[in-house]
Amino acid sequence: MENNDIINKIKDRFTDGIIAVDTSSDLLTFVIVKDIVLDILSFLKDELHFNFLTDLCGIHYPDQELQLGVVYHLHNMAENKRIRLKAFVSVDKPEIKSCVLLFSGANWMERETYDFYGIIFENHPHLTHILNVEYLDYFPLRKEYPLEDQTRTDKDDKFFGR
């Protein structure tokens, strides 16, 4: 199965839901609207035999309108083909549908993404903190804080090449 075959089959089925396709790297990537996540994952699993969810993780692009995203990596083991899907949500309403019913391995990955990015997976069977403490009131992997503490006095920039 070639990339062009996959692209054509997905575009034929989900014409309005595909935002972008990237073939520049050796990993075929689709950016999709969040509303079709379950439909396209189901199609990829049932019709194109991408049966293995390799990874699911969150991303944060603070300069975009839809800042938070979920990245899905799928693998068709029979043909040794991999594919990446990206779906973005807003910080104000960080909700996307859970794919645990399609891929049971997504359970912990979605919980981890919720824990670190605050993305809420609708219909997840047990969406609770998995690594962070329950009373943590922020999401540590969002890029909302400066990288360095500007109030530090014990650091001299001349020793760091600045």
C-alpha atoms as a PDB file:
ATOM      1  CA  MET A   1       0.000   0.000   0.000  1.00  0.00           C
ATOM      2  CA  GLU A   2       1.511   3.293  -1.138  1.00  0.00           C
ATOM      3  CA  ASN A   3       1.051   6.708   0.476  1.00  0.00           C
ATOM      4  CA  ASN A   4      -0.991   7.968  -2.485  1.00  0.00           C
ATOM      5  CA  ASP A   5      -3.424   5.058  -2.129  1.00  0.00           C
ATOM      6  CA  ILE A   6      -3.911   5.822   1.563  1.00  0.00           C
ATOM      7  CA  ILE A   7      -4.323   9.551   0.899  1.00  0.00           C
ATOM      8  CA  ASN A   8      -6.908   8.952  -1.822  1.00  0.00           C
ATOM      9  CA  LYS A   9      -8.937   6.492   0.251  1.00  0.00           C
ATOM     10  CA  ILE A  10      -9.000   8.822   3.263  1.00  0.00           C
ATOM     11  CA  LYS A  11      -9.777  11.920   1.207  1.00  0.00           C
ATOM     12  CA  ASP A  12     -12.581  10.119  -0.629  1.00  0.00           C
ATOM     13  CA  ARG A  13     -14.174   9.057   2.646  1.00  0.00           C
ATOM     14  CA  PHE A  14     -13.507  12.167   4.780  1.00  0.00           C
ATOM     15  CA  THR A  15     -13.463  15.084   2.348  1.00  0.00           C
ATOM     16  CA  ASP A  16     -14.466  17.826   4.789  1.00  0.00           C
ATOM     17  CA  GLY A  17     -12.476  16.595   7.773  1.00  0.00           C
ATOM     18  CA  ILE A  18      -8.972  16.661   6.334  1.00  0.00           C
ATOM     19  CA  ILE A  19      -7.160  19.942   7.018  1.00  0.00           C
ATOM     20  CA  ALA A  20      -3.694  19.031   5.724  1.00  0.00           C
ATOM     21  CA  VAL A  21      -1.591  16.128   4.499  1.00  0.00           C
ATOM     22  CA  ASP A  22       2.178  16.017   4.942  1.00  0.00           C
ATOM     23  CA  THR A  23       4.298  13.592   2.950  1.00  0.00           C
ATOM     24  CA  SER A  24       7.616  15.380   3.445  1.00  0.00           C
ATOM     25  CA  SER A  25       8.926  12.865   5.986  1.00  0.00           C
ATOM     26  CA  ASP A  26       8.791   9.097   5.818  1.00  0.00           C
ATOM     27  CA  LEU A  27       5.782   9.169   8.162  1.00  0.00           C
ATOM     28  CA  LEU A  28       2.539  10.041   6.401  1.00  0.00           C
ATOM     29  CA  THR A  29       0.762  12.709   8.478  1.00  0.00           C
ATOM     30  CA  PHE A  30      -2.838  13.933   8.403  1.00  0.00           C
ATOM     31  CA  VAL A  31      -4.138  16.964  10.280  1.00  0.00           C
ATOM     32  CA  ILE A  32      -7.855  16.425  10.846  1.00  0.00           C
ATOM     33  CA  VAL A  33     -10.763  18.144  12.562  1.00  0.00           C
ATOM     34  CA  LYS A  34     -11.473  16.749  16.014  1.00  0.00           C
ATOM     35  CA  ASP A  35     -15.044  15.742  15.150  1.00  0.00           C
ATOM     36  CA  ILE A  36     -13.951  12.877  12.876  1.00  0.00           C
ATOM     37  CA  VAL A  37     -11.291  11.345  15.136  1.00  0.00           C
ATOM     38  CA  LEU A  38     -13.257   8.216  15.998  1.00  0.00           C
ATOM     39  CA  ASP A  39     -14.564   7.782  12.457  1.00  0.00           C
ATOM     40  CA  ILE A  40     -11.141   8.018  10.840  1.00  0.00           C
ATOM     41  CA  LEU A  41      -9.493   5.815  13.487  1.00  0.00           C
ATOM     42  CA  SER A  42     -12.203   3.212  12.944  1.00  0.00           C
ATOM     43  CA  PHE A  43     -11.769   3.437   9.164  1.00  0.00           C
ATOM     44  CA  LEU A  44      -8.002   3.068   9.458  1.00  0.00           C
ATOM     45  CA  LYS A  45      -8.373   0.076  11.743  1.00  0.00           C
ATOM     46  CA  ASP A  46     -11.162  -1.775   9.921  1.00  0.00           C
ATOM     47  CA  GLU A  47     -10.574  -0.893   6.271  1.00  0.00           C
ATOM     48  CA  LEU A  48      -6.830  -0.187   5.999  1.00  0.00           C
ATOM     49  CA  HIS A  49      -5.707  -2.567   8.794  1.00  0.00           C
ATOM     50  CA  PHE A  50      -3.829  -0.084  10.980  1.00  0.00           C
ATOM     51  CA  ASN A  51      -4.552  -2.322  13.972  1.00  0.00           C
ATOM     52  CA  PHE A  52      -1.881  -1.132  16.384  1.00  0.00           C
ATOM     53  CA  LEU A  53      -2.019   2.231  18.177  1.00  0.00           C
ATOM     54  CA  THR A  54       1.683   2.777  18.747  1.00  0.00           C
ATOM     55  CA  ASP A  55       1.354   6.062  20.601  1.00  0.00           C
ATOM     56  CA  LEU A  56      -1.072   8.764  21.608  1.00  0.00           C
ATOM     57  CA  CYS A  57       0.240  11.993  23.113  1.00  0.00           C
ATOM     58  CA  GLY A  58      -0.503  15.663  23.565  1.00  0.00           C
ATOM     59  CA  ILE A  59       1.147  18.732  22.074  1.00  0.00           C
ATOM     60  CA  HIS A  60       0.917  22.433  22.825  1.00  0.00           C
ATOM     61  CA  TYR A  61       1.509  25.154  20.243  1.00  0.00           C
ATOM     62  CA  PRO A  62       0.836  28.409  22.135  1.00  0.00           C
ATOM     63  CA  ASP A  63       1.054  30.546  18.968  1.00  0.00           C
ATOM     64  CA  GLN A  64      -1.791  28.755  17.167  1.00  0.00           C
ATOM     65  CA  GLU A  65      -5.512  29.469  17.453  1.00  0.00           C
ATOM     66  CA  LEU A  66      -6.214  25.859  18.440  1.00  0.00           C
ATOM     67  CA  GLN A  67      -3.295  25.448  20.802  1.00  0.00           C
ATOM     68  CA  LEU A  68      -3.664  21.913  22.135  1.00  0.00           C
ATOM     69  CA  GLY A  69      -3.448  18.819  20.025  1.00  0.00           C
ATOM     70  CA  VAL A  70      -3.572  15.054  20.213  1.00  0.00           C
ATOM     71  CA  VAL A  71      -1.214  13.002  18.058  1.00  0.00           C
ATOM     72  CA  TYR A  72      -2.043   9.409  17.131  1.00  0.00           C
ATOM     73  CA  HIS A  73       0.560   7.028  15.672  1.00  0.00           C
ATOM     74  CA  LEU A  74      -0.839   3.902  14.029  1.00  0.00           C
ATOM     75  CA  HIS A  75       0.911   0.895  12.518  1.00  0.00           C
ATOM     76  CA  ASN A  76      -0.200  -1.603   9.887  1.00  0.00           C
ATOM     77  CA  MET A  77       2.053  -4.506  10.844  1.00  0.00           C
ATOM     78  CA  ALA A  78       1.193  -6.719   7.877  1.00  0.00           C
ATOM     79  CA  GLU A  79       2.533  -4.115   5.442  1.00  0.00           C
ATOM     80  CA  ASN A  80       4.916  -2.408   7.881  1.00  0.00           C
ATOM     81  CA  LYS A  81       3.269   0.954   7.241  1.00  0.00           C
ATOM     82  CA  ARG A  82       2.911   3.753   9.774  1.00  0.00           C
ATOM     83  CA  ILE A  83       0.666   6.802   9.825  1.00  0.00           C
ATOM     84  CA  ARG A  84       0.255   9.856  12.057  1.00  0.00           C
ATOM     85  CA  LEU A  85      -2.948  11.788  12.793  1.00  0.00           C
ATOM     86  CA  LYS A  86      -3.118  15.177  14.504  1.00  0.00           C
ATOM     87  CA  ALA A  87      -6.284  16.787  15.837  1.00  0.00           C
ATOM     88  CA  PHE A  88      -6.360  20.174  17.564  1.00  0.00           C
ATOM     89  CA  VAL A  89      -8.632  21.655  20.238  1.00  0.00           C
ATOM     90  CA  SER A  90      -8.868  25.024  21.947  1.00  0.00           C
ATOM     91  CA  VAL A  91      -7.569  25.750  25.427  1.00  0.00           C
ATOM     92  CA  ASP A  92     -11.022  27.040  26.383  1.00  0.00           C
ATOM     93  CA  LYS A  93     -12.703  23.752  25.491  1.00  0.00           C
ATOM     94  CA  PRO A  94     -10.019  21.031  25.408  1.00  0.00           C
ATOM     95  CA  GLU A  95     -12.306  18.120  24.617  1.00  0.00           C
ATOM     96  CA  ILE A  96     -11.911  15.292  22.139  1.00  0.00           C
ATOM     97  CA  LYS A  97     -13.507  11.839  21.894  1.00  0.00           C
ATOM     98  CA  SER A  98     -11.828   8.895  23.557  1.00  0.00           C
ATOM     99  CA  CYS A  99     -10.664   5.999  21.392  1.00  0.00           C
ATOM    100  CA  VAL A 100     -10.415   3.467  24.232  1.00  0.00           C
ATOM    101  CA  LEU A 101     -13.245   1.384  22.747  1.00  0.00           C
ATOM    102  CA  LEU A 102     -11.241   1.007  19.510  1.00  0.00           C
ATOM    103  CA  PHE A 103      -7.803   0.588  21.097  1.00  0.00           C
ATOM    104  CA  SER A 104      -7.762  -0.531  24.718  1.00  0.00           C
ATOM    105  CA  GLY A 105      -4.107   0.506  24.984  1.00  0.00           C
ATOM    106  CA  ALA A 106      -5.221   4.118  24.634  1.00  0.00           C
ATOM    107  CA  ASN A 107      -6.551   4.043  28.204  1.00  0.00           C
ATOM    108  CA  TRP A 108      -3.296   4.957  29.934  1.00  0.00           C
ATOM    109  CA  MET A 109      -2.083   7.168  27.078  1.00  0.00           C
ATOM    110  CA  GLU A 110      -5.233   9.296  27.236  1.00  0.00           C
ATOM    111  CA  ARG A 111      -4.986   9.534  31.011  1.00  0.00           C
ATOM    112  CA  GLU A 112      -1.374  10.677  30.742  1.00  0.00           C
ATOM    113  CA  THR A 113      -2.296  13.260  28.106  1.00  0.00           C
ATOM    114  CA  TYR A 114      -5.091  14.526  30.339  1.00  0.00           C
ATOM    115  CA  ASP A 115      -2.720  14.662  33.291  1.00  0.00           C
ATOM    116  CA  PHE A 116      -0.015  16.694  31.554  1.00  0.00           C
ATOM    117  CA  TYR A 117      -1.957  18.796  29.021  1.00  0.00           C
ATOM    118  CA  GLY A 118      -5.490  18.989  30.420  1.00  0.00           C
ATOM    119  CA  ILE A 119      -7.103  17.521  27.306  1.00  0.00           C
ATOM    120  CA  ILE A 120     -10.398  15.913  28.280  1.00  0.00           C
ATOM    121  CA  PHE A 121     -11.242  12.653  26.511  1.00  0.00           C
ATOM    122  CA  GLU A 122     -15.023  12.355  26.291  1.00  0.00           C
ATOM    123  CA  ASN A 123     -16.461   8.956  27.292  1.00  0.00           C
ATOM    124  CA  HIS A 124     -13.181   7.746  28.746  1.00  0.00           C
ATOM    125  CA  PRO A 125     -13.966   4.984  31.272  1.00  0.00           C
ATOM    126  CA  HIS A 126     -11.791   6.391  34.086  1.00  0.00           C
ATOM    127  CA  LEU A 127     -10.201   9.762  33.238  1.00  0.00           C
ATOM    128  CA  THR A 128      -8.246  10.588  36.398  1.00  0.00           C
ATOM    129  CA  HIS A 129      -4.706  11.644  37.217  1.00  0.00           C
ATOM    130  CA  ILE A 130      -2.191   8.935  36.568  1.00  0.00           C
ATOM    131  CA  LEU A 131       1.228  10.462  37.363  1.00  0.00           C
ATOM    132  CA  ASN A 132       0.583  13.855  38.956  1.00  0.00           C
ATOM    133  CA  VAL A 133      -0.966  14.457  42.350  1.00  0.00           C
ATOM    134  CA  GLU A 134      -4.715  15.113  42.449  1.00  0.00           C
ATOM    135  CA  TYR A 135      -4.399  18.654  43.806  1.00  0.00           C
ATOM    136  CA  LEU A 136      -2.081  19.906  41.045  1.00  0.00           C
ATOM    137  CA  ASP A 137      -3.924  22.908  39.595  1.00  0.00           C
ATOM    138  CA  TYR A 138      -1.936  23.324  36.365  1.00  0.00           C
ATOM    139  CA  PHE A 139      -0.772  21.160  33.484  1.00  0.00           C
ATOM    140  CA  PRO A 140       3.033  20.837  33.555  1.00  0.00           C
ATOM    141  CA  LEU A 141       3.708  20.193  29.857  1.00  0.00           C
ATOM    142  CA  ARG A 142       1.854  23.233  28.570  1.00  0.00           C
ATOM    143  CA  LYS A 143       4.173  26.013  27.485  1.00  0.00           C
ATOM    144  CA  GLU A 144       2.614  28.619  29.755  1.00  0.00           C
ATOM    145  CA  TYR A 145       5.595  29.475  31.934  1.00  0.00           C
ATOM    146  CA  PRO A 146       9.049  30.957  31.212  1.00  0.00           C
ATOM    147  CA  LEU A 147      11.856  28.439  30.894  1.00  0.00           C
ATOM    148  CA  GLU A 148      14.013  30.206  33.467  1.00  0.00           C
ATOM    149  CA  ASP A 149      13.248  31.836  36.782  1.00  0.00           C
ATOM    150  CA  GLN A 150      13.838  35.558  36.226  1.00  0.00           C
ATOM    151  CA  THR A 151      14.210  36.178  39.970  1.00  0.00           C
ATOM    152  CA  ARG A 152      17.293  34.013  40.454  1.00  0.00           C
ATOM    153  CA  THR A 153      20.283  35.846  41.909  1.00  0.00           C
ATOM    154  CA  ASP A 154      22.674  32.899  42.197  1.00  0.00           C
ATOM    155  CA  LYS A 155      23.311  32.695  38.464  1.00  0.00           C
ATOM    156  CA  ASP A 156      25.810  34.779  36.501  1.00  0.00           C
ATOM    157  CA  ASP A 157      25.135  34.750  32.737  1.00  0.00           C
ATOM    158  CA  LYS A 158      28.815  35.231  31.833  1.00  0.00           C
ATOM    159  CA  PHE A 159      29.447  31.627  32.895  1.00  0.00           C
ATOM    160  CA  PHE A 160      26.782  30.388  30.480  1.00  0.00           C
ATOM    161  CA  GLY A 161      28.043  32.130  27.334  1.00  0.00           C
ATOM    162  CA  ARG A 162      25.489  34.937  27.396  1.00  0.00           C
END
